[in-house]
Amino acid sequence: MNIALWIAQGLLALVYLAAGGLKAVRPREQLVTSGNFDWMKDSSDAGVKAVGLVEILGALGVTLPSLTGIAPILTPIAAIGLAVVQVGALRVHLVRNERQPLPANMLLLLLAAFTAIGRFLD
């Protein structure tokens, strides 16, 4: 079970570091024109940067506490936070009638829930 949890944590960290890093570093206009982030058309620059920062912090929170043994209770709490991010993402995509990202959002939500439950019980 521990190996499966580490795999889930690693996947979450990779995805959220990449996605959050893009949102935090690149200008919103550049992301919108890339065609992969249509939802950003309705968001402010500060909102996109905030989402990126939350994703980066979640990626760090889902791995570092367990890895270092310092305050490991923060790992499942961070996983809950990432699950909340995905619930928000699902809502945004459903309201905008964007069906393509939904499977990835659901997968990330399930990975975050699995990590949270598994690490709380660990």
C-alpha atoms as a PDB file:
ATOM      1  CA  MET A   1       0.000   0.000   0.000  1.00  0.00           C
ATOM      2  CA  ASN A   2       2.861   2.369   0.813  1.00  0.00           C
ATOM      3  CA  ILE A   3       4.306   1.958  -2.688  1.00  0.00           C
ATOM      4  CA  ALA A   4       0.947   2.763  -4.279  1.00  0.00           C
ATOM      5  CA  LEU A   5       0.649   5.872  -2.112  1.00  0.00           C
ATOM      6  CA  TRP A   6       4.134   7.038  -3.109  1.00  0.00           C
ATOM      7  CA  ILE A   7       3.301   6.509  -6.781  1.00  0.00           C
ATOM      8  CA  ALA A   8       0.106   8.550  -6.372  1.00  0.00           C
ATOM      9  CA  GLN A   9       1.987  11.274  -4.483  1.00  0.00           C
ATOM     10  CA  GLY A  10       4.700  11.376  -7.138  1.00  0.00           C
ATOM     11  CA  LEU A  11       2.183  11.654  -9.963  1.00  0.00           C
ATOM     12  CA  LEU A  12       0.308  14.413  -8.147  1.00  0.00           C
ATOM     13  CA  ALA A  13       3.539  16.290  -7.487  1.00  0.00           C
ATOM     14  CA  LEU A  14       4.699  16.043 -11.111  1.00  0.00           C
ATOM     15  CA  VAL A  15       1.400  17.155 -12.580  1.00  0.00           C
ATOM     16  CA  TYR A  16       0.846  20.009 -10.153  1.00  0.00           C
ATOM     17  CA  LEU A  17       4.419  21.290 -10.297  1.00  0.00           C
ATOM     18  CA  ALA A  18       4.216  21.401 -14.082  1.00  0.00           C
ATOM     19  CA  ALA A  19       0.735  22.915 -14.285  1.00  0.00           C
ATOM     20  CA  GLY A  20       1.275  25.315 -11.401  1.00  0.00           C
ATOM     21  CA  GLY A  21       4.668  26.326 -12.723  1.00  0.00           C
ATOM     22  CA  LEU A  22       3.197  27.237 -16.096  1.00  0.00           C
ATOM     23  CA  LYS A  23       0.462  29.309 -14.499  1.00  0.00           C
ATOM     24  CA  ALA A  24       2.859  31.033 -12.115  1.00  0.00           C
ATOM     25  CA  VAL A  25       5.560  31.868 -14.667  1.00  0.00           C
ATOM     26  CA  ARG A  26       3.912  32.429 -18.042  1.00  0.00           C
ATOM     27  CA  PRO A  27       1.650  35.390 -18.773  1.00  0.00           C
ATOM     28  CA  ARG A  28      -2.065  34.552 -18.837  1.00  0.00           C
ATOM     29  CA  GLU A  29      -2.418  35.857 -22.406  1.00  0.00           C
ATOM     30  CA  GLN A  30       0.269  33.473 -23.635  1.00  0.00           C
ATOM     31  CA  LEU A  31      -1.470  30.519 -21.973  1.00  0.00           C
ATOM     32  CA  VAL A  32      -4.840  31.490 -23.441  1.00  0.00           C
ATOM     33  CA  THR A  33      -3.423  31.729 -26.964  1.00  0.00           C
ATOM     34  CA  SER A  34      -1.841  28.280 -26.622  1.00  0.00           C
ATOM     35  CA  GLY A  35      -5.388  26.900 -26.793  1.00  0.00           C
ATOM     36  CA  ASN A  36      -5.108  24.618 -23.752  1.00  0.00           C
ATOM     37  CA  PHE A  37      -6.379  27.059 -21.162  1.00  0.00           C
ATOM     38  CA  ASP A  38      -9.606  28.582 -22.510  1.00  0.00           C
ATOM     39  CA  TRP A  39     -10.995  28.940 -18.986  1.00  0.00           C
ATOM     40  CA  MET A  40      -8.385  31.632 -18.337  1.00  0.00           C
ATOM     41  CA  LYS A  41     -10.219  33.989 -20.693  1.00  0.00           C
ATOM     42  CA  ASP A  42     -12.698  34.587 -17.862  1.00  0.00           C
ATOM     43  CA  SER A  43     -10.055  34.866 -15.126  1.00  0.00           C
ATOM     44  CA  SER A  44      -7.820  37.680 -13.974  1.00  0.00           C
ATOM     45  CA  ASP A  45      -4.042  37.554 -14.102  1.00  0.00           C
ATOM     46  CA  ALA A  46      -3.929  37.459 -10.306  1.00  0.00           C
ATOM     47  CA  GLY A  47      -6.461  34.622 -10.220  1.00  0.00           C
ATOM     48  CA  VAL A  48      -4.413  32.486 -12.601  1.00  0.00           C
ATOM     49  CA  LYS A  49      -1.209  33.193 -10.645  1.00  0.00           C
ATOM     50  CA  ALA A  50      -3.011  32.296  -7.400  1.00  0.00           C
ATOM     51  CA  VAL A  51      -4.173  28.966  -8.827  1.00  0.00           C
ATOM     52  CA  GLY A  52      -0.615  28.270  -9.979  1.00  0.00           C
ATOM     53  CA  LEU A  53       0.787  29.046  -6.542  1.00  0.00           C
ATOM     54  CA  VAL A  54      -1.797  26.834  -4.841  1.00  0.00           C
ATOM     55  CA  GLU A  55      -0.905  23.984  -7.197  1.00  0.00           C
ATOM     56  CA  ILE A  56       2.822  24.370  -6.522  1.00  0.00           C
ATOM     57  CA  LEU A  57       2.287  24.486  -2.759  1.00  0.00           C
ATOM     58  CA  GLY A  58       0.004  21.449  -2.985  1.00  0.00           C
ATOM     59  CA  ALA A  59       2.645  19.519  -4.933  1.00  0.00           C
ATOM     60  CA  LEU A  60       5.249  20.320  -2.300  1.00  0.00           C
ATOM     61  CA  GLY A  61       2.840  19.596   0.541  1.00  0.00           C
ATOM     62  CA  VAL A  62       1.823  16.216  -0.810  1.00  0.00           C
ATOM     63  CA  THR A  63       5.419  14.988  -0.944  1.00  0.00           C
ATOM     64  CA  LEU A  64       7.839  16.823   1.331  1.00  0.00           C
ATOM     65  CA  PRO A  65       6.250  16.147   4.743  1.00  0.00           C
ATOM     66  CA  SER A  66       6.108  12.394   4.121  1.00  0.00           C
ATOM     67  CA  LEU A  67       9.533  12.377   2.527  1.00  0.00           C
ATOM     68  CA  THR A  68      11.263  14.263   5.334  1.00  0.00           C
ATOM     69  CA  GLY A  69       9.201  12.918   8.235  1.00  0.00           C
ATOM     70  CA  ILE A  70       8.622  16.512   9.395  1.00  0.00           C
ATOM     71  CA  ALA A  71       4.928  17.077  10.160  1.00  0.00           C
ATOM     72  CA  PRO A  72       3.719  14.170   7.979  1.00  0.00           C
ATOM     73  CA  ILE A  73       0.110  15.037   8.851  1.00  0.00           C
ATOM     74  CA  LEU A  74       0.465  17.828   6.286  1.00  0.00           C
ATOM     75  CA  THR A  75       0.615  15.315   3.424  1.00  0.00           C
ATOM     76  CA  PRO A  76      -3.033  14.183   3.622  1.00  0.00           C
ATOM     77  CA  ILE A  77      -4.108  17.762   4.329  1.00  0.00           C
ATOM     78  CA  ALA A  78      -2.327  18.908   1.159  1.00  0.00           C
ATOM     79  CA  ALA A  79      -3.959  16.033  -0.734  1.00  0.00           C
ATOM     80  CA  ILE A  80      -7.369  17.254   0.444  1.00  0.00           C
ATOM     81  CA  GLY A  81      -6.434  20.711  -0.804  1.00  0.00           C
ATOM     82  CA  LEU A  82      -5.550  19.297  -4.215  1.00  0.00           C
ATOM     83  CA  ALA A  83      -8.855  17.419  -4.275  1.00  0.00           C
ATOM     84  CA  VAL A  84     -10.636  20.714  -3.610  1.00  0.00           C
ATOM     85  CA  VAL A  85      -8.685  22.291  -6.492  1.00  0.00           C
ATOM     86  CA  GLN A  86      -9.960  19.524  -8.769  1.00  0.00           C
ATOM     87  CA  VAL A  87     -13.555  19.951  -7.610  1.00  0.00           C
ATOM     88  CA  GLY A  88     -13.208  23.618  -8.556  1.00  0.00           C
ATOM     89  CA  ALA A  89     -11.659  22.697 -11.901  1.00  0.00           C
ATOM     90  CA  LEU A  90     -14.477  20.260 -12.615  1.00  0.00           C
ATOM     91  CA  ARG A  91     -17.030  22.947 -11.836  1.00  0.00           C
ATOM     92  CA  VAL A  92     -15.331  25.498 -14.110  1.00  0.00           C
ATOM     93  CA  HIS A  93     -15.095  23.056 -17.011  1.00  0.00           C
ATOM     94  CA  LEU A  94     -18.688  21.874 -16.595  1.00  0.00           C
ATOM     95  CA  VAL A  95     -20.034  25.438 -16.489  1.00  0.00           C
ATOM     96  CA  ARG A  96     -18.014  26.283 -19.602  1.00  0.00           C
ATOM     97  CA  ASN A  97     -19.202  23.060 -21.288  1.00  0.00           C
ATOM     98  CA  GLU A  98     -15.619  21.882 -21.758  1.00  0.00           C
ATOM     99  CA  ARG A  99     -15.739  18.094 -21.701  1.00  0.00           C
ATOM    100  CA  GLN A 100     -12.184  17.258 -22.816  1.00  0.00           C
ATOM    101  CA  PRO A 101     -10.397  18.023 -19.491  1.00  0.00           C
ATOM    102  CA  LEU A 102     -12.936  16.176 -17.322  1.00  0.00           C
ATOM    103  CA  PRO A 103     -11.286  12.709 -17.377  1.00  0.00           C
ATOM    104  CA  ALA A 104      -7.933  14.174 -16.291  1.00  0.00           C
ATOM    105  CA  ASN A 105      -9.668  16.209 -13.587  1.00  0.00           C
ATOM    106  CA  MET A 106     -11.429  13.094 -12.303  1.00  0.00           C
ATOM    107  CA  LEU A 107      -8.196  11.084 -12.306  1.00  0.00           C
ATOM    108  CA  LEU A 108      -6.383  13.786 -10.319  1.00  0.00           C
ATOM    109  CA  LEU A 109      -9.317  14.034  -7.909  1.00  0.00           C
ATOM    110  CA  LEU A 110      -9.228  10.267  -7.321  1.00  0.00           C
ATOM    111  CA  LEU A 111      -5.435  10.256  -6.859  1.00  0.00           C
ATOM    112  CA  ALA A 112      -5.696  13.089  -4.343  1.00  0.00           C
ATOM    113  CA  ALA A 113      -8.529  11.356  -2.460  1.00  0.00           C
ATOM    114  CA  PHE A 114      -6.603   8.063  -2.429  1.00  0.00           C
ATOM    115  CA  THR A 115      -3.524   9.851  -1.081  1.00  0.00           C
ATOM    116  CA  ALA A 116      -5.484  11.710   1.582  1.00  0.00           C
ATOM    117  CA  ILE A 117      -7.295   8.620   2.846  1.00  0.00           C
ATOM    118  CA  GLY A 118      -4.226   6.405   2.617  1.00  0.00           C
ATOM    119  CA  ARG A 119      -1.957   8.823   4.468  1.00  0.00           C
ATOM    120  CA  PHE A 120      -4.557   9.569   7.152  1.00  0.00           C
ATOM    121  CA  LEU A 121      -4.812   5.810   7.813  1.00  0.00           C
ATOM    122  CA  ASP A 122      -1.032   5.320   7.564  1.00  0.00           C
END
